[in-house]
Amino acid sequence: MAFITGLTRDRQEWTPQFVMGIDDELCIGCGRCFKVCAMDVLTYEEVDEDDSAKAFMTVANSGNCVGCQACGRTCPKKCFSFAPVEA
């Protein structure tokens, strides 16, 4: 299985890991991932549950993801899943 790879600035091989999903049971809706993503991949989702609203993040524009994983690195609950793209 071959994956699409790139090079870092110092010419080392790098395989981007693209966001595949967010576990909405783990997500607390803190928004750290939303703030760090410059590619408009994520959005807030609200669900009304028994007189209280729960906010969590969802993947809105997965095609915009560049595979940097900044969202996952800032997530305190580690609720992101990532995968490379096959060539």
C-alpha atoms as a PDB file:
ATOM      1  CA  MET A   1       0.000   0.000   0.000  1.00  0.00           C
ATOM      2  CA  ALA A   2       1.520   3.327  -1.075  1.00  0.00           C
ATOM      3  CA  PHE A   3       0.654   6.634   0.541  1.00  0.00           C
ATOM      4  CA  ILE A   4       0.978  10.145  -0.835  1.00  0.00           C
ATOM      5  CA  THR A   5       4.054  11.712   0.740  1.00  0.00           C
ATOM      6  CA  GLY A   6       5.739  15.076   0.687  1.00  0.00           C
ATOM      7  CA  LEU A   7       8.958  16.646   1.868  1.00  0.00           C
ATOM      8  CA  THR A   8       9.687  18.872   4.821  1.00  0.00           C
ATOM      9  CA  ARG A   9      11.732  22.016   4.395  1.00  0.00           C
ATOM     10  CA  ASP A  10      14.928  20.105   5.184  1.00  0.00           C
ATOM     11  CA  ARG A  11      13.995  17.498   2.538  1.00  0.00           C
ATOM     12  CA  GLN A  12      12.861  14.733   4.900  1.00  0.00           C
ATOM     13  CA  GLU A  13       9.958  12.592   3.723  1.00  0.00           C
ATOM     14  CA  TRP A  14       6.623  13.326   5.412  1.00  0.00           C
ATOM     15  CA  THR A  15       3.266  11.562   5.109  1.00  0.00           C
ATOM     16  CA  PRO A  16       0.323  13.898   5.813  1.00  0.00           C
ATOM     17  CA  GLN A  17      -2.331  12.496   8.157  1.00  0.00           C
ATOM     18  CA  PHE A  18      -5.767  13.862   7.244  1.00  0.00           C
ATOM     19  CA  VAL A  19      -8.639  14.254   9.701  1.00  0.00           C
ATOM     20  CA  MET A  20     -11.083  11.361   9.331  1.00  0.00           C
ATOM     21  CA  GLY A  21     -13.444  12.100  12.192  1.00  0.00           C
ATOM     22  CA  ILE A  22     -14.073  13.459  15.661  1.00  0.00           C
ATOM     23  CA  ASP A  23     -15.504  11.362  18.494  1.00  0.00           C
ATOM     24  CA  ASP A  24     -18.489  13.465  19.601  1.00  0.00           C
ATOM     25  CA  GLU A  25     -18.744  11.495  22.855  1.00  0.00           C
ATOM     26  CA  LEU A  26     -15.244  12.641  23.875  1.00  0.00           C
ATOM     27  CA  CYS A  27     -15.361  16.177  22.446  1.00  0.00           C
ATOM     28  CA  ILE A  28     -16.108  18.893  25.021  1.00  0.00           C
ATOM     29  CA  GLY A  29     -16.551  21.699  22.471  1.00  0.00           C
ATOM     30  CA  CYS A  30     -13.678  23.804  23.808  1.00  0.00           C
ATOM     31  CA  GLY A  31     -12.907  25.144  20.310  1.00  0.00           C
ATOM     32  CA  ARG A  32      -9.110  24.859  20.497  1.00  0.00           C
ATOM     33  CA  CYS A  33      -9.036  22.810  17.291  1.00  0.00           C
ATOM     34  CA  PHE A  34     -11.330  25.292  15.549  1.00  0.00           C
ATOM     35  CA  LYS A  35      -9.046  28.192  16.443  1.00  0.00           C
ATOM     36  CA  VAL A  36      -5.862  26.471  15.255  1.00  0.00           C
ATOM     37  CA  CYS A  37      -7.226  25.232  11.907  1.00  0.00           C
ATOM     38  CA  ALA A  38      -6.465  27.779   9.193  1.00  0.00           C
ATOM     39  CA  MET A  39      -8.188  25.741   6.484  1.00  0.00           C
ATOM     40  CA  ASP A  40     -11.856  26.003   7.607  1.00  0.00           C
ATOM     41  CA  VAL A  41     -12.174  22.226   8.098  1.00  0.00           C
ATOM     42  CA  LEU A  42     -14.145  22.255  11.377  1.00  0.00           C
ATOM     43  CA  THR A  43     -17.411  23.702  12.659  1.00  0.00           C
ATOM     44  CA  TYR A  44     -19.404  23.758  15.910  1.00  0.00           C
ATOM     45  CA  GLU A  45     -22.443  21.535  16.349  1.00  0.00           C
ATOM     46  CA  GLU A  46     -24.952  22.002  19.162  1.00  0.00           C
ATOM     47  CA  VAL A  47     -27.374  19.419  20.498  1.00  0.00           C
ATOM     48  CA  ASP A  48     -30.118  20.234  22.989  1.00  0.00           C
ATOM     49  CA  GLU A  49     -30.277  17.541  25.656  1.00  0.00           C
ATOM     50  CA  ASP A  50     -32.782  17.824  28.516  1.00  0.00           C
ATOM     51  CA  ASP A  51     -32.761  21.612  28.932  1.00  0.00           C
ATOM     52  CA  SER A  52     -29.001  21.914  28.363  1.00  0.00           C
ATOM     53  CA  ALA A  53     -27.031  22.396  25.182  1.00  0.00           C
ATOM     54  CA  LYS A  54     -23.929  20.348  24.430  1.00  0.00           C
ATOM     55  CA  ALA A  55     -21.475  21.745  21.896  1.00  0.00           C
ATOM     56  CA  PHE A  56     -18.948  19.676  20.010  1.00  0.00           C
ATOM     57  CA  MET A  57     -16.882  19.997  16.864  1.00  0.00           C
ATOM     58  CA  THR A  58     -17.591  18.279  13.547  1.00  0.00           C
ATOM     59  CA  VAL A  59     -15.691  17.931  10.284  1.00  0.00           C
ATOM     60  CA  ALA A  60     -17.468  20.304   7.904  1.00  0.00           C
ATOM     61  CA  ASN A  61     -15.032  20.590   4.997  1.00  0.00           C
ATOM     62  CA  SER A  62     -12.794  17.512   4.978  1.00  0.00           C
ATOM     63  CA  GLY A  63     -11.542  18.351   1.482  1.00  0.00           C
ATOM     64  CA  ASN A  64      -9.856  21.470   2.875  1.00  0.00           C
ATOM     65  CA  CYS A  65      -7.640  19.445   5.250  1.00  0.00           C
ATOM     66  CA  VAL A  66      -3.906  19.673   4.477  1.00  0.00           C
ATOM     67  CA  GLY A  67      -2.907  16.890   6.882  1.00  0.00           C
ATOM     68  CA  CYS A  68      -0.995  18.973   9.419  1.00  0.00           C
ATOM     69  CA  GLN A  69      -2.765  17.437  12.464  1.00  0.00           C
ATOM     70  CA  ALA A  70      -2.689  20.762  14.358  1.00  0.00           C
ATOM     71  CA  CYS A  71      -6.291  20.167  15.447  1.00  0.00           C
ATOM     72  CA  GLY A  72      -5.426  16.823  17.035  1.00  0.00           C
ATOM     73  CA  ARG A  73      -2.336  18.155  18.778  1.00  0.00           C
ATOM     74  CA  THR A  74      -4.345  20.919  20.479  1.00  0.00           C
ATOM     75  CA  CYS A  75      -7.235  18.645  21.509  1.00  0.00           C
ATOM     76  CA  PRO A  76      -7.171  17.992  25.284  1.00  0.00           C
ATOM     77  CA  LYS A  77      -9.463  14.951  24.901  1.00  0.00           C
ATOM     78  CA  LYS A  78      -7.641  13.336  21.930  1.00  0.00           C
ATOM     79  CA  CYS A  79     -10.901  12.778  20.055  1.00  0.00           C
ATOM     80  CA  PHE A  80      -9.562  13.115  16.486  1.00  0.00           C
ATOM     81  CA  SER A  81      -8.816  10.243  14.137  1.00  0.00           C
ATOM     82  CA  PHE A  82      -6.392  10.630  11.227  1.00  0.00           C
ATOM     83  CA  ALA A  83      -5.271   8.598   8.204  1.00  0.00           C
ATOM     84  CA  PRO A  84      -3.010   9.101   5.203  1.00  0.00           C
ATOM     85  CA  VAL A  85      -4.351   9.168   1.650  1.00  0.00           C
ATOM     86  CA  GLU A  86      -3.503   6.170  -0.506  1.00  0.00           C
ATOM     87  CA  ALA A  87      -1.807   6.873  -3.824  1.00  0.00           C
END
